[in-house]
């Protein structure tokens, strides 16, 4: 069974996935405290989040069966004094071999006072598992902005294109085509108009 759950408000929920069940949660600007147990072999959980405001998210995934997968993917676009905190907790239970779990958090900061904090936690109690995490944080690519402006685009339009591309990356690795299309349509609707910033100077 494949399920896609959309969340756009503060939530605290618990889920349990049986054999071969798949759940994808797509979160927009929500404060989330979510706990998921993968209790059946072949269960898959995905959490894909886009935050345009300050948020705090805690996602706890407990792998309690072998051959289970999880993927936590969060992206932040933050301006002014916004702060986003993402705490991803992955637990691989004893004798639960052949587990695959990844965390990836990417943040774009549109002002010097915006902050993004990534707090990954891995609790591994068995061998033969594949668990990883990664985090990036920075501003919009100045080279890409300059390139788009050099092709006749104004700064606001160039920023909007880059932010839209940054957001829709959340859809790329989703294996279900119909769900991928739903996620993409939601992201297009929710992606905020970028804040006006200074124009780039021409390069010599």
Protein backbone atom coordinates (compact mmCIF):
# COMPACT_ATOMS: atom_id res chain seq x y z
CA UNK A 1 0.00 0.00 0.00
CA UNK A 2 1.29 3.46 -0.98
CA UNK A 3 0.11 6.52 0.96
CA UNK A 4 0.91 10.20 0.48
CA UNK A 5 0.08 12.45 3.44
CA UNK A 6 0.17 16.23 3.08
CA UNK A 7 0.80 18.33 6.21
CA UNK A 8 0.58 22.12 6.32
CA UNK A 9 -0.09 22.76 10.01
CA UNK A 10 1.53 21.93 13.33
CA UNK A 11 1.24 18.23 14.04
CA UNK A 12 2.27 15.44 16.39
CA UNK A 13 1.56 11.94 15.05
CA UNK A 14 2.65 8.32 15.31
CA UNK A 15 2.62 5.73 12.52
CA UNK A 16 3.28 2.01 12.26
CA UNK A 17 4.02 0.43 8.88
CA UNK A 18 3.40 -3.26 8.23
CA UNK A 19 5.00 -5.51 5.61
CA UNK A 20 5.57 -3.77 2.25
CA UNK A 21 3.67 -0.64 3.32
CA UNK A 22 4.96 2.71 2.03
CA UNK A 23 4.22 6.11 3.54
CA UNK A 24 5.40 9.47 2.22
CA UNK A 25 4.74 12.59 4.28
CA UNK A 26 5.02 15.93 2.51
CA UNK A 27 5.24 18.84 4.94
CA UNK A 28 4.87 22.58 4.25
CA UNK A 29 5.89 25.10 6.94
CA UNK A 30 4.74 22.79 9.71
CA UNK A 31 6.05 22.26 13.22
CA UNK A 32 6.23 18.47 13.23
CA UNK A 33 6.83 15.86 15.90
CA UNK A 34 6.45 12.54 14.07
CA UNK A 35 7.29 9.02 15.18
CA UNK A 36 7.31 6.11 12.73
CA UNK A 37 7.89 2.40 13.35
CA UNK A 38 8.80 0.17 10.41
CA UNK A 39 7.46 -3.10 11.76
CA UNK A 40 7.18 -5.21 8.61
CA UNK A 41 9.79 -6.36 6.14
CA UNK A 42 9.83 -4.20 3.02
CA UNK A 43 8.27 -1.16 4.73
CA UNK A 44 9.39 2.23 3.40
CA UNK A 45 9.01 5.68 4.96
CA UNK A 46 9.80 9.05 3.38
CA UNK A 47 9.56 12.52 4.90
CA UNK A 48 9.89 15.42 2.46
CA UNK A 49 9.64 18.90 3.87
CA UNK A 50 9.69 22.43 2.47
CA UNK A 51 9.89 25.30 4.96
CA UNK A 52 9.60 28.93 3.94
CA UNK A 53 9.14 30.09 7.53
CA UNK A 54 10.82 29.32 10.82
CA UNK A 55 9.97 25.75 11.88
CA UNK A 56 11.08 23.06 14.30
CA UNK A 57 10.75 19.44 13.21
CA UNK A 58 11.54 16.23 15.04
CA UNK A 59 11.24 12.99 13.05
CA UNK A 60 11.95 9.69 14.81
CA UNK A 61 12.13 6.57 12.65
CA UNK A 62 12.54 3.14 14.32
CA UNK A 63 13.52 0.29 11.99
CA UNK A 64 12.12 -2.80 13.71
CA UNK A 65 12.26 -5.22 10.77
CA UNK A 66 14.91 -6.15 8.24
CA UNK A 67 14.87 -4.93 4.63
CA UNK A 68 13.28 -1.59 5.52
CA UNK A 69 14.08 1.87 4.16
CA UNK A 70 13.69 5.47 5.27
CA UNK A 71 14.55 8.81 3.72
CA UNK A 72 14.30 12.19 5.46
CA UNK A 73 14.69 15.13 3.07
CA UNK A 74 14.16 18.71 4.28
CA UNK A 75 14.72 21.99 2.46
CA UNK A 76 14.50 25.47 3.95
CA UNK A 77 14.20 28.88 2.27
CA UNK A 78 14.65 31.38 5.09
CA UNK A 79 14.60 35.17 5.21
CA UNK A 80 14.64 37.92 7.88
CA UNK A 81 15.06 36.39 11.38
CA UNK A 82 13.62 32.97 10.52
CA UNK A 83 15.14 29.91 12.19
CA UNK A 84 14.59 26.30 11.14
CA UNK A 85 15.58 23.31 13.28
CA UNK A 86 15.51 19.78 11.90
CA UNK A 87 16.11 16.85 14.26
CA UNK A 88 16.13 13.49 12.48
CA UNK A 89 16.49 10.41 14.70
CA UNK A 90 17.12 7.03 13.07
CA UNK A 91 17.10 3.86 15.16
CA UNK A 92 18.14 0.50 13.73
CA UNK A 93 16.94 -2.29 16.03
CA UNK A 94 18.81 -5.44 16.96
CA UNK A 95 18.86 -8.20 14.30
CA UNK A 96 17.33 -5.78 11.76
CA UNK A 97 19.79 -6.27 8.93
CA UNK A 98 19.74 -4.82 5.42
CA UNK A 99 18.38 -1.45 6.54
CA UNK A 100 18.85 1.64 4.40
CA UNK A 101 18.33 5.09 5.88
CA UNK A 102 19.33 8.55 4.66
CA UNK A 103 18.92 12.09 5.93
CA UNK A 104 19.53 15.21 3.84
CA UNK A 105 18.90 18.80 4.96
CA UNK A 106 19.55 21.75 2.61
CA UNK A 107 19.00 25.39 3.54
CA UNK A 108 19.08 28.65 1.60
CA UNK A 109 19.48 31.75 3.77
CA UNK A 110 18.20 34.98 2.19
CA UNK A 111 19.35 37.24 5.03
CA UNK A 112 22.37 37.35 7.39
CA UNK A 113 20.13 36.85 10.44
CA UNK A 114 18.35 33.71 9.17
CA UNK A 115 19.48 30.43 10.79
CA UNK A 116 19.21 26.73 9.96
CA UNK A 117 20.17 24.00 12.44
CA UNK A 118 20.45 20.32 11.51
CA UNK A 119 20.59 17.76 14.35
CA UNK A 120 20.96 14.21 12.95
CA UNK A 121 21.02 11.27 15.38
CA UNK A 122 21.85 7.66 14.50
CA UNK A 123 21.22 4.83 16.96
CA UNK A 124 22.58 1.64 15.42
CA UNK A 125 22.19 -1.65 17.30
CA UNK A 126 23.08 -4.14 14.55
CA UNK A 127 25.51 -4.73 11.69
CA UNK A 128 24.81 -4.80 7.95
CA UNK A 129 22.99 -1.47 7.76
CA UNK A 130 23.47 1.56 5.53
CA UNK A 131 22.79 4.86 7.30
CA UNK A 132 23.96 8.32 6.25
CA UNK A 133 23.23 11.99 6.77
CA UNK A 134 24.24 15.26 5.14
CA UNK A 135 23.55 18.98 5.53
CA UNK A 136 24.28 22.12 3.49
CA UNK A 137 23.62 25.79 4.22
CA UNK A 138 24.25 28.97 2.24
CA UNK A 139 22.87 31.70 0.01
CA UNK A 140 21.70 31.64 -3.58
CA UNK A 141 24.40 30.84 -6.12
CA UNK A 142 25.79 34.23 -7.23
CA UNK A 143 27.25 32.71 -10.40
CA UNK A 144 23.86 31.30 -11.39
CA UNK A 145 22.15 34.61 -10.62
CA UNK A 146 24.69 36.51 -12.72
CA UNK A 147 24.29 34.07 -15.60
CA UNK A 148 20.50 34.45 -15.64
CA UNK A 149 20.75 38.25 -15.44
CA UNK A 150 23.29 38.29 -18.25
CA UNK A 151 20.62 36.63 -20.39
CA UNK A 152 18.25 39.55 -19.87
CA UNK A 153 16.40 38.38 -16.76
CA UNK A 154 15.84 40.76 -13.84
CA UNK A 155 17.02 39.85 -10.34
CA UNK A 156 13.58 38.96 -8.98
CA UNK A 157 12.85 36.56 -11.84
CA UNK A 158 16.32 34.99 -11.56
CA UNK A 159 15.87 34.40 -7.82
CA UNK A 160 12.43 32.90 -8.38
CA UNK A 161 13.79 30.39 -10.91
CA UNK A 162 16.60 29.28 -8.60
CA UNK A 163 14.32 28.95 -5.57
CA UNK A 164 11.76 26.99 -7.58
CA UNK A 165 14.46 24.62 -8.82
CA UNK A 166 15.72 24.23 -5.23
CA UNK A 167 12.23 23.32 -4.03
CA UNK A 168 11.31 20.80 -6.74
CA UNK A 169 14.46 18.76 -6.03
CA UNK A 170 12.34 17.26 -3.26
CA UNK A 171 10.44 15.26 -5.88
CA UNK A 172 13.24 13.76 -7.92
CA UNK A 173 14.02 10.55 -6.07
CA UNK A 174 10.44 9.58 -5.29
CA UNK A 175 9.89 6.22 -7.05
CA UNK A 176 6.11 6.49 -7.61
CA UNK A 177 5.35 8.60 -10.71
CA UNK A 178 1.78 9.56 -9.70
CA UNK A 179 2.85 10.60 -6.21
CA UNK A 180 5.83 12.43 -7.67
CA UNK A 181 3.47 14.48 -9.85
CA UNK A 182 1.27 15.28 -6.84
CA UNK A 183 4.28 16.41 -4.82
CA UNK A 184 5.52 18.55 -7.71
CA UNK A 185 2.16 20.28 -8.15
CA UNK A 186 2.00 21.03 -4.42
CA UNK A 187 5.54 22.42 -4.38
CA UNK A 188 4.81 24.72 -7.31
CA UNK A 189 1.77 26.06 -5.46
CA UNK A 190 3.56 26.56 -2.14
CA UNK A 191 6.90 28.00 -3.30
CA UNK A 192 7.05 31.58 -2.07
CA UNK A 193 7.90 34.60 -4.17
CA UNK A 194 11.49 35.51 -3.30
CA UNK A 195 12.23 38.67 -1.39
CA UNK A 196 13.65 41.62 -3.33
CA UNK A 197 17.39 41.97 -2.89
CA UNK A 198 20.17 44.11 -4.29
CA UNK A 199 21.02 43.84 -7.99
CA UNK A 200 24.24 42.14 -9.01
CA UNK A 201 27.07 44.21 -10.42
CA UNK A 202 28.52 43.25 -13.79
CA UNK A 203 31.68 41.23 -13.71
CA UNK A 204 34.81 42.35 -15.52
